[in-house]
């Protein structure tokens, strides 16, 4: 049995909101003028999620330490038209949640091969960051940008043998 974090009432509200969103676009004609605005919004969200692979790999998936094991997944993660996200720092793959923010649904298996993905190193990253910075930090803490360059890429977890 799955544990949900929403009450039944909250789930009913979410389901109704999803139904309304689907009804809004049920009869949408992609040739209508509104299509370009919708596409641009979705594309903007996808490209924003590409920031890390753009900065770290210059959108070249071959630069990742994981490319030999997951080439198709990394190609998708470097393609702004694919809904795959890769965080080199945290070694996490996911799919964006289209809420306009940075949320994603984490992938545990490569969708192309079915192979298990390597575990996240998020907790280890924050342990290291807290040692270096001397205080607790969170994912949105701007001081993370002051960490050594290796901590902005895959290099830190490769060096640590994680």
N, C-alpha and C. Protein backbone atom coordinates (compact mmCIF):
# COMPACT_ATOMS: atom_id res chain seq x y z
N UNK A 1 0.83 -1.17 0.00
CA UNK A 1 0.00 0.00 0.00
C UNK A 1 0.88 1.24 0.00
N UNK A 2 0.54 2.22 -0.83
CA UNK A 2 1.30 3.45 -0.94
C UNK A 2 0.82 4.47 0.08
N UNK A 3 1.75 5.14 0.73
CA UNK A 3 1.40 6.21 1.65
C UNK A 3 1.34 7.52 0.88
N UNK A 4 0.19 8.19 0.92
CA UNK A 4 0.05 9.48 0.26
C UNK A 4 0.21 10.57 1.29
N UNK A 5 0.75 11.70 0.88
CA UNK A 5 0.95 12.82 1.78
C UNK A 5 -0.25 13.77 1.75
N UNK A 6 -1.24 13.50 0.88
CA UNK A 6 -2.43 14.33 0.80
C UNK A 6 -3.61 13.63 1.48
N UNK A 7 -4.47 14.42 2.08
CA UNK A 7 -5.70 13.85 2.63
C UNK A 7 -6.63 13.51 1.47
N UNK A 8 -7.67 12.75 1.75
CA UNK A 8 -8.64 12.42 0.70
C UNK A 8 -9.24 13.68 0.11
N UNK A 9 -9.55 14.66 0.94
CA UNK A 9 -10.14 15.91 0.45
C UNK A 9 -9.16 16.65 -0.46
N UNK A 10 -7.89 16.70 -0.05
CA UNK A 10 -6.87 17.35 -0.88
C UNK A 10 -6.68 16.61 -2.20
N UNK A 11 -6.72 15.28 -2.16
CA UNK A 11 -6.60 14.50 -3.38
C UNK A 11 -7.78 14.79 -4.31
N UNK A 12 -8.99 14.86 -3.76
CA UNK A 12 -10.17 15.18 -4.56
C UNK A 12 -10.02 16.54 -5.23
N UNK A 13 -9.48 17.51 -4.50
CA UNK A 13 -9.27 18.85 -5.06
C UNK A 13 -8.25 18.82 -6.19
N UNK A 14 -7.16 18.06 -5.99
CA UNK A 14 -6.13 17.94 -7.03
C UNK A 14 -6.69 17.25 -8.27
N UNK A 15 -7.47 16.21 -8.07
CA UNK A 15 -8.07 15.48 -9.20
C UNK A 15 -9.00 16.40 -9.97
N UNK A 16 -9.80 17.18 -9.27
CA UNK A 16 -10.72 18.11 -9.94
C UNK A 16 -9.94 19.17 -10.71
N UNK A 17 -8.87 19.68 -10.14
CA UNK A 17 -8.03 20.66 -10.84
C UNK A 17 -7.43 20.05 -12.11
N UNK A 18 -7.01 18.78 -12.02
CA UNK A 18 -6.46 18.11 -13.20
C UNK A 18 -7.53 17.90 -14.27
N UNK A 19 -8.74 17.54 -13.84
CA UNK A 19 -9.85 17.37 -14.78
C UNK A 19 -10.14 18.68 -15.52
N UNK A 20 -10.18 19.78 -14.76
CA UNK A 20 -10.45 21.09 -15.36
C UNK A 20 -9.35 21.48 -16.35
N UNK A 21 -8.11 21.19 -16.00
CA UNK A 21 -7.01 21.49 -16.92
C UNK A 21 -7.15 20.68 -18.20
N UNK A 22 -7.51 19.41 -18.08
CA UNK A 22 -7.70 18.58 -19.28
C UNK A 22 -8.87 19.08 -20.11
N UNK A 23 -9.97 19.45 -19.46
CA UNK A 23 -11.13 19.96 -20.19
C UNK A 23 -10.78 21.23 -20.95
N UNK A 24 -9.95 22.06 -20.35
CA UNK A 24 -9.58 23.32 -20.99
C UNK A 24 -8.91 23.09 -22.34
N UNK A 25 -8.12 22.02 -22.45
CA UNK A 25 -7.37 21.78 -23.69
C UNK A 25 -7.92 20.62 -24.51
N UNK A 26 -9.02 20.00 -24.07
CA UNK A 26 -9.61 18.87 -24.80
C UNK A 26 -9.86 19.18 -26.27
N UNK A 27 -10.44 20.31 -26.55
CA UNK A 27 -10.81 20.65 -27.91
C UNK A 27 -9.88 21.68 -28.53
N UNK A 28 -8.69 21.73 -28.01
CA UNK A 28 -7.73 22.72 -28.49
C UNK A 28 -7.22 22.33 -29.86
N UNK A 29 -7.26 23.26 -30.79
CA UNK A 29 -6.74 23.04 -32.14
C UNK A 29 -5.32 23.57 -32.18
N UNK A 30 -4.34 22.70 -32.44
CA UNK A 30 -2.94 23.17 -32.42
C UNK A 30 -2.63 24.21 -33.49
N UNK A 31 -3.55 24.46 -34.39
CA UNK A 31 -3.33 25.50 -35.38
C UNK A 31 -3.79 26.87 -34.89
N UNK A 32 -4.45 26.89 -33.73
CA UNK A 32 -4.91 28.16 -33.18
C UNK A 32 -3.72 29.01 -32.74
N UNK A 33 -3.95 30.29 -32.67
CA UNK A 33 -2.89 31.23 -32.28
C UNK A 33 -2.32 30.92 -30.90
N UNK A 34 -3.14 30.42 -29.99
CA UNK A 34 -2.69 30.15 -28.64
C UNK A 34 -1.63 29.07 -28.54
N UNK A 35 -1.52 28.23 -29.57
CA UNK A 35 -0.56 27.13 -29.53
C UNK A 35 0.86 27.63 -29.33
N UNK A 36 1.26 28.67 -30.04
CA UNK A 36 2.64 29.14 -29.93
C UNK A 36 2.93 29.60 -28.51
N UNK A 37 1.95 30.24 -27.87
CA UNK A 37 2.16 30.68 -26.48
C UNK A 37 2.31 29.48 -25.54
N UNK A 38 1.48 28.45 -25.73
CA UNK A 38 1.57 27.24 -24.90
C UNK A 38 2.92 26.57 -25.13
N UNK A 39 3.31 26.39 -26.39
CA UNK A 39 4.58 25.73 -26.70
C UNK A 39 5.75 26.51 -26.12
N UNK A 40 5.72 27.83 -26.27
CA UNK A 40 6.82 28.64 -25.75
C UNK A 40 6.92 28.50 -24.23
N UNK A 41 5.77 28.41 -23.55
CA UNK A 41 5.79 28.23 -22.10
C UNK A 41 6.39 26.89 -21.70
N UNK A 42 5.97 25.84 -22.38
CA UNK A 42 6.51 24.50 -22.09
C UNK A 42 7.99 24.45 -22.41
N UNK A 43 8.37 25.01 -23.56
CA UNK A 43 9.78 25.01 -23.96
C UNK A 43 10.63 25.81 -22.97
N UNK A 44 10.08 26.92 -22.48
CA UNK A 44 10.80 27.73 -21.49
C UNK A 44 11.06 26.93 -20.22
N UNK A 45 10.07 26.17 -19.77
CA UNK A 45 10.24 25.35 -18.57
C UNK A 45 11.30 24.28 -18.84
N UNK A 46 11.22 23.61 -20.00
CA UNK A 46 12.20 22.57 -20.32
C UNK A 46 13.61 23.13 -20.39
N UNK A 47 13.79 24.28 -21.06
CA UNK A 47 15.14 24.83 -21.19
C UNK A 47 15.68 25.31 -19.86
N UNK A 48 14.80 25.79 -18.98
CA UNK A 48 15.26 26.20 -17.66
C UNK A 48 15.81 24.99 -16.90
N UNK A 49 15.17 23.84 -17.07
CA UNK A 49 15.66 22.62 -16.43
C UNK A 49 16.98 22.15 -17.03
N UNK A 50 17.35 22.68 -18.20
CA UNK A 50 18.60 22.29 -18.86
C UNK A 50 19.80 23.10 -18.38
N UNK A 51 19.58 24.05 -17.47
CA UNK A 51 20.67 24.93 -17.03
C UNK A 51 21.92 24.16 -16.63
N UNK A 52 21.75 23.11 -15.81
CA UNK A 52 22.93 22.39 -15.32
C UNK A 52 23.69 21.70 -16.43
N UNK A 53 22.98 20.98 -17.31
CA UNK A 53 23.70 20.27 -18.38
C UNK A 53 24.25 21.25 -19.41
N UNK A 54 23.62 22.41 -19.53
CA UNK A 54 24.16 23.44 -20.43
C UNK A 54 25.45 24.00 -19.84
N UNK A 55 25.43 24.31 -18.54
CA UNK A 55 26.61 24.90 -17.89
C UNK A 55 27.75 23.89 -17.75
N UNK A 56 27.43 22.66 -17.38
CA UNK A 56 28.46 21.67 -17.08
C UNK A 56 28.98 20.97 -18.33
N UNK A 57 28.08 20.60 -19.24
CA UNK A 57 28.47 19.82 -20.42
C UNK A 57 28.37 20.59 -21.73
N UNK A 58 27.91 21.83 -21.69
CA UNK A 58 27.63 22.59 -22.90
C UNK A 58 26.69 21.80 -23.82
N UNK A 59 25.73 21.11 -23.19
CA UNK A 59 24.73 20.27 -23.86
C UNK A 59 25.34 19.10 -24.63
N UNK A 60 26.58 18.75 -24.33
CA UNK A 60 27.24 17.59 -24.97
C UNK A 60 27.24 16.44 -23.96
N UNK A 61 26.33 15.47 -24.11
CA UNK A 61 26.21 14.39 -23.12
C UNK A 61 27.45 13.52 -23.02
N UNK A 62 28.29 13.54 -24.04
CA UNK A 62 29.51 12.71 -24.02
C UNK A 62 30.47 13.17 -22.94
N UNK A 63 30.28 14.37 -22.42
CA UNK A 63 31.15 14.89 -21.36
C UNK A 63 30.80 14.33 -19.98
N UNK A 64 29.70 13.60 -19.87
CA UNK A 64 29.30 13.04 -18.59
C UNK A 64 30.02 11.72 -18.32
N UNK A 65 30.35 11.50 -17.07
CA UNK A 65 30.97 10.24 -16.65
C UNK A 65 30.01 9.07 -16.84
N UNK A 66 28.71 9.34 -16.96
CA UNK A 66 27.70 8.29 -17.09
C UNK A 66 27.32 7.99 -18.54
N UNK A 67 27.92 8.70 -19.49
CA UNK A 67 27.49 8.56 -20.89
C UNK A 67 27.64 7.13 -21.42
N UNK A 68 28.72 6.45 -21.09
CA UNK A 68 28.91 5.10 -21.64
C UNK A 68 27.84 4.12 -21.16
N UNK A 69 27.29 4.35 -19.96
CA UNK A 69 26.25 3.46 -19.44
C UNK A 69 24.84 3.86 -19.84
N UNK A 70 24.61 5.17 -20.03
CA UNK A 70 23.26 5.68 -20.28
C UNK A 70 23.26 6.70 -21.43
N UNK A 71 23.74 6.32 -22.61
CA UNK A 71 23.87 7.31 -23.69
C UNK A 71 22.54 7.92 -24.14
N UNK A 72 21.51 7.11 -24.32
CA UNK A 72 20.23 7.66 -24.78
C UNK A 72 19.62 8.59 -23.74
N UNK A 73 19.71 8.22 -22.50
CA UNK A 73 19.16 9.04 -21.42
C UNK A 73 19.89 10.38 -21.35
N UNK A 74 21.20 10.36 -21.47
CA UNK A 74 21.95 11.62 -21.42
C UNK A 74 21.73 12.46 -22.66
N UNK A 75 21.57 11.83 -23.83
CA UNK A 75 21.23 12.60 -25.03
C UNK A 75 19.91 13.32 -24.81
N UNK A 76 18.94 12.62 -24.26
CA UNK A 76 17.63 13.24 -23.99
C UNK A 76 17.77 14.37 -22.97
N UNK A 77 18.61 14.17 -21.96
CA UNK A 77 18.79 15.18 -20.91
C UNK A 77 19.46 16.44 -21.44
N UNK A 78 20.15 16.34 -22.56
CA UNK A 78 20.81 17.50 -23.16
C UNK A 78 20.00 18.08 -24.32
N UNK A 79 18.83 17.55 -24.58
CA UNK A 79 17.97 18.02 -25.66
C UNK A 79 16.81 18.80 -25.04
N UNK A 80 16.76 20.13 -25.25
CA UNK A 80 15.72 20.92 -24.60
C UNK A 80 14.29 20.58 -25.05
N UNK A 81 14.15 19.72 -26.05
CA UNK A 81 12.81 19.33 -26.47
C UNK A 81 12.39 17.99 -25.86
N UNK A 82 13.25 17.42 -25.03
CA UNK A 82 12.94 16.16 -24.35
C UNK A 82 12.65 16.44 -22.88
N UNK A 83 11.65 15.82 -22.32
CA UNK A 83 11.31 16.08 -20.91
C UNK A 83 12.12 15.25 -19.93
N UNK A 84 13.44 15.26 -20.09
CA UNK A 84 14.34 14.53 -19.18
C UNK A 84 15.29 15.55 -18.57
N UNK A 85 15.47 15.47 -17.28
CA UNK A 85 16.36 16.37 -16.55
C UNK A 85 17.50 15.54 -15.96
N UNK A 86 18.70 16.11 -16.00
CA UNK A 86 19.82 15.48 -15.31
C UNK A 86 20.52 16.54 -14.48
N UNK A 87 20.72 16.25 -13.21
CA UNK A 87 21.50 17.11 -12.33
C UNK A 87 22.85 16.44 -12.10
N UNK A 88 23.91 16.92 -12.78
CA UNK A 88 25.24 16.31 -12.62
C UNK A 88 25.74 16.39 -11.18
N UNK A 89 25.43 17.46 -10.47
CA UNK A 89 25.90 17.66 -9.11
C UNK A 89 25.29 16.61 -8.17
N UNK A 90 23.99 16.35 -8.34
CA UNK A 90 23.30 15.41 -7.46
C UNK A 90 23.21 14.00 -8.05
N UNK A 91 23.64 13.83 -9.30
CA UNK A 91 23.53 12.56 -10.02
C UNK A 91 22.08 12.04 -9.96
N UNK A 92 21.18 12.93 -10.39
CA UNK A 92 19.76 12.59 -10.39
C UNK A 92 19.16 12.84 -11.77
N UNK A 93 18.34 11.91 -12.22
CA UNK A 93 17.58 12.05 -13.45
C UNK A 93 16.11 12.19 -13.09
N UNK A 94 15.38 12.94 -13.89
CA UNK A 94 13.96 13.08 -13.63
C UNK A 94 13.21 13.65 -14.81
N UNK A 95 11.93 13.85 -14.57
CA UNK A 95 11.05 14.47 -15.55
C UNK A 95 10.42 15.68 -14.87
N UNK A 96 10.34 16.82 -15.58
CA UNK A 96 9.83 18.03 -14.93
C UNK A 96 8.37 17.93 -14.58
N UNK A 97 8.03 18.59 -13.50
CA UNK A 97 6.64 18.81 -13.13
C UNK A 97 6.33 20.20 -13.69
N UNK A 98 5.36 20.29 -14.56
CA UNK A 98 5.09 21.55 -15.25
C UNK A 98 4.28 22.50 -14.37
N UNK A 99 4.90 22.89 -13.25
CA UNK A 99 4.27 23.85 -12.36
C UNK A 99 4.99 25.19 -12.42
N UNK A 100 5.93 25.31 -13.36
CA UNK A 100 6.68 26.55 -13.51
C UNK A 100 7.89 26.64 -12.62
N UNK A 101 8.09 25.67 -11.75
CA UNK A 101 9.23 25.69 -10.83
C UNK A 101 10.22 24.59 -11.14
N UNK A 102 11.15 24.34 -10.22
CA UNK A 102 12.22 23.37 -10.47
C UNK A 102 11.85 21.92 -10.11
N UNK A 103 10.59 21.66 -9.75
CA UNK A 103 10.21 20.32 -9.31
C UNK A 103 10.34 19.29 -10.43
N UNK A 104 10.70 18.07 -10.02
CA UNK A 104 10.78 16.98 -10.98
C UNK A 104 10.38 15.68 -10.30
N UNK A 105 9.96 14.74 -11.13
CA UNK A 105 9.70 13.39 -10.67
C UNK A 105 10.97 12.60 -10.94
N UNK A 106 11.56 12.04 -9.92
CA UNK A 106 12.83 11.34 -10.05
C UNK A 106 12.66 10.00 -10.76
N UNK A 107 13.57 9.74 -11.69
CA UNK A 107 13.61 8.45 -12.38
C UNK A 107 14.54 7.51 -11.63
N UNK A 108 14.15 6.28 -11.48
CA UNK A 108 14.99 5.29 -10.81
C UNK A 108 15.57 4.29 -11.80
N UNK A 109 15.00 4.25 -13.02
CA UNK A 109 15.47 3.35 -14.07
C UNK A 109 15.60 4.11 -15.37
N UNK A 110 16.54 3.72 -16.20
CA UNK A 110 16.71 4.30 -17.53
C UNK A 110 15.50 3.88 -18.37
N UNK A 111 14.71 4.84 -18.88
CA UNK A 111 13.52 4.47 -19.66
C UNK A 111 13.85 3.74 -20.96
N UNK A 112 15.07 3.88 -21.49
CA UNK A 112 15.43 3.24 -22.75
C UNK A 112 15.91 1.81 -22.56
N UNK A 113 16.60 1.55 -21.45
CA UNK A 113 17.18 0.22 -21.27
C UNK A 113 16.58 -0.54 -20.09
N UNK A 114 15.94 0.17 -19.19
CA UNK A 114 15.40 -0.47 -17.99
C UNK A 114 16.44 -0.67 -16.90
N UNK A 115 17.70 -0.32 -17.17
CA UNK A 115 18.75 -0.47 -16.16
C UNK A 115 18.52 0.47 -14.98
N UNK A 116 18.79 -0.01 -13.76
CA UNK A 116 18.70 0.89 -12.60
C UNK A 116 19.68 2.04 -12.76
N UNK A 117 19.26 3.22 -12.35
CA UNK A 117 20.14 4.38 -12.39
C UNK A 117 20.96 4.42 -11.10
N UNK A 118 22.14 5.03 -11.16
CA UNK A 118 22.95 5.11 -9.95
C UNK A 118 22.23 5.93 -8.89
N UNK A 119 22.49 5.66 -7.62
CA UNK A 119 21.80 6.40 -6.56
C UNK A 119 22.18 7.88 -6.54
N UNK A 120 21.28 8.67 -6.05
CA UNK A 120 21.51 10.10 -5.88
C UNK A 120 22.64 10.32 -4.87
N UNK A 121 23.38 11.40 -5.07
CA UNK A 121 24.42 11.78 -4.12
C UNK A 121 24.06 13.10 -3.44
N UNK A 122 22.79 13.46 -3.48
CA UNK A 122 22.30 14.72 -2.91
C UNK A 122 22.70 14.87 -1.43
N UNK A 123 22.42 13.85 -0.62
CA UNK A 123 22.74 13.94 0.81
C UNK A 123 24.24 14.11 1.03
N UNK A 124 25.03 13.34 0.29
CA UNK A 124 26.49 13.46 0.42
C UNK A 124 26.96 14.86 0.00
N UNK A 125 26.34 15.42 -1.04
CA UNK A 125 26.70 16.76 -1.49
C UNK A 125 26.48 17.78 -0.36
N UNK A 126 25.32 17.71 0.28
CA UNK A 126 25.03 18.68 1.33
C UNK A 126 25.92 18.47 2.55
N UNK A 127 26.29 17.23 2.84
CA UNK A 127 27.24 16.98 3.93
C UNK A 127 28.57 17.65 3.61
N UNK A 128 29.04 17.48 2.38
CA UNK A 128 30.30 18.11 1.96
C UNK A 128 30.19 19.63 1.98
N UNK A 129 29.08 20.15 1.44
CA UNK A 129 28.89 21.61 1.40
C UNK A 129 28.89 22.19 2.81
N UNK A 130 28.24 21.50 3.75
CA UNK A 130 28.18 22.00 5.12
C UNK A 130 29.55 21.97 5.78
N UNK A 131 30.38 20.96 5.45
CA UNK A 131 31.75 20.92 5.97
C UNK A 131 32.54 22.12 5.45
N UNK A 132 32.42 22.37 4.15
CA UNK A 132 33.19 23.45 3.52
C UNK A 132 32.71 24.82 3.99
N UNK A 133 31.39 25.02 4.04
CA UNK A 133 30.84 26.32 4.38
C UNK A 133 30.72 26.55 5.89
N UNK A 134 30.78 25.46 6.67
CA UNK A 134 30.73 25.59 8.12
C UNK A 134 29.35 25.87 8.69
N UNK A 135 28.32 25.58 7.93
CA UNK A 135 26.95 25.78 8.42
C UNK A 135 25.99 24.96 7.57
N UNK A 136 24.76 24.81 8.07
CA UNK A 136 23.71 24.12 7.31
C UNK A 136 23.35 24.95 6.08
N UNK A 137 23.16 24.27 4.96
CA UNK A 137 22.74 24.95 3.73
C UNK A 137 21.60 24.17 3.10
N UNK A 138 20.81 24.87 2.30
CA UNK A 138 19.70 24.26 1.58
C UNK A 138 19.90 24.39 0.09
N UNK A 139 19.07 23.71 -0.67
CA UNK A 139 19.21 23.65 -2.12
C UNK A 139 19.11 25.03 -2.78
N UNK A 140 18.41 25.96 -2.17
CA UNK A 140 18.27 27.29 -2.76
C UNK A 140 19.26 28.31 -2.20
N UNK A 141 20.17 27.86 -1.35
CA UNK A 141 21.15 28.74 -0.72
C UNK A 141 22.14 29.24 -1.77
N UNK A 142 22.21 30.55 -1.95
CA UNK A 142 23.10 31.12 -2.96
C UNK A 142 24.58 30.89 -2.65
N UNK A 143 24.90 30.64 -1.39
CA UNK A 143 26.29 30.41 -1.00
C UNK A 143 26.85 29.13 -1.63
N UNK A 144 25.97 28.23 -2.10
CA UNK A 144 26.44 27.01 -2.78
C UNK A 144 27.26 27.36 -4.02
N UNK A 145 26.96 28.51 -4.62
CA UNK A 145 27.70 28.94 -5.81
C UNK A 145 29.15 29.29 -5.48
N UNK A 146 29.48 29.46 -4.22
CA UNK A 146 30.85 29.81 -3.83
C UNK A 146 31.71 28.57 -3.55
N UNK A 147 31.10 27.38 -3.63
CA UNK A 147 31.87 26.16 -3.42
C UNK A 147 32.91 26.00 -4.53
N UNK A 148 33.96 25.23 -4.28
CA UNK A 148 34.95 25.00 -5.33
C UNK A 148 34.30 24.48 -6.61
N UNK A 149 34.92 24.75 -7.74
CA UNK A 149 34.36 24.42 -9.05
C UNK A 149 33.96 22.95 -9.17
N UNK A 150 34.72 22.05 -8.57
CA UNK A 150 34.39 20.62 -8.66
C UNK A 150 32.99 20.33 -8.14
N UNK A 151 32.52 21.14 -7.18
CA UNK A 151 31.20 20.93 -6.58
C UNK A 151 30.07 21.50 -7.43
N UNK A 152 30.41 22.02 -8.59
CA UNK A 152 29.40 22.51 -9.53
C UNK A 152 29.20 21.49 -10.66
N UNK A 153 29.89 20.36 -10.59
CA UNK A 153 29.88 19.35 -11.66
C UNK A 153 29.83 17.94 -11.06
N UNK A 154 30.06 16.96 -11.92
CA UNK A 154 30.16 15.57 -11.47
C UNK A 154 31.50 15.29 -10.78
N UNK A 155 32.45 16.17 -10.97
CA UNK A 155 33.83 15.92 -10.50
C UNK A 155 33.90 15.58 -9.02
N UNK A 156 33.10 16.23 -8.19
CA UNK A 156 33.23 16.01 -6.75
C UNK A 156 32.88 14.58 -6.37
N UNK A 157 31.79 14.03 -6.93
CA UNK A 157 31.42 12.66 -6.54
C UNK A 157 32.30 11.62 -7.23
N UNK A 158 32.87 11.97 -8.36
CA UNK A 158 33.84 11.07 -9.01
C UNK A 158 35.10 11.00 -8.14
N UNK A 159 35.60 12.18 -7.71
CA UNK A 159 36.79 12.23 -6.86
C UNK A 159 36.60 11.51 -5.54
N UNK A 160 35.40 11.54 -5.01
CA UNK A 160 35.09 10.88 -3.73
C UNK A 160 34.77 9.39 -3.91
N UNK A 161 34.70 8.93 -5.15
CA UNK A 161 34.42 7.52 -5.43
C UNK A 161 32.99 7.11 -5.10
N UNK A 162 32.07 8.04 -5.22
CA UNK A 162 30.66 7.74 -4.88
C UNK A 162 29.91 7.13 -6.05
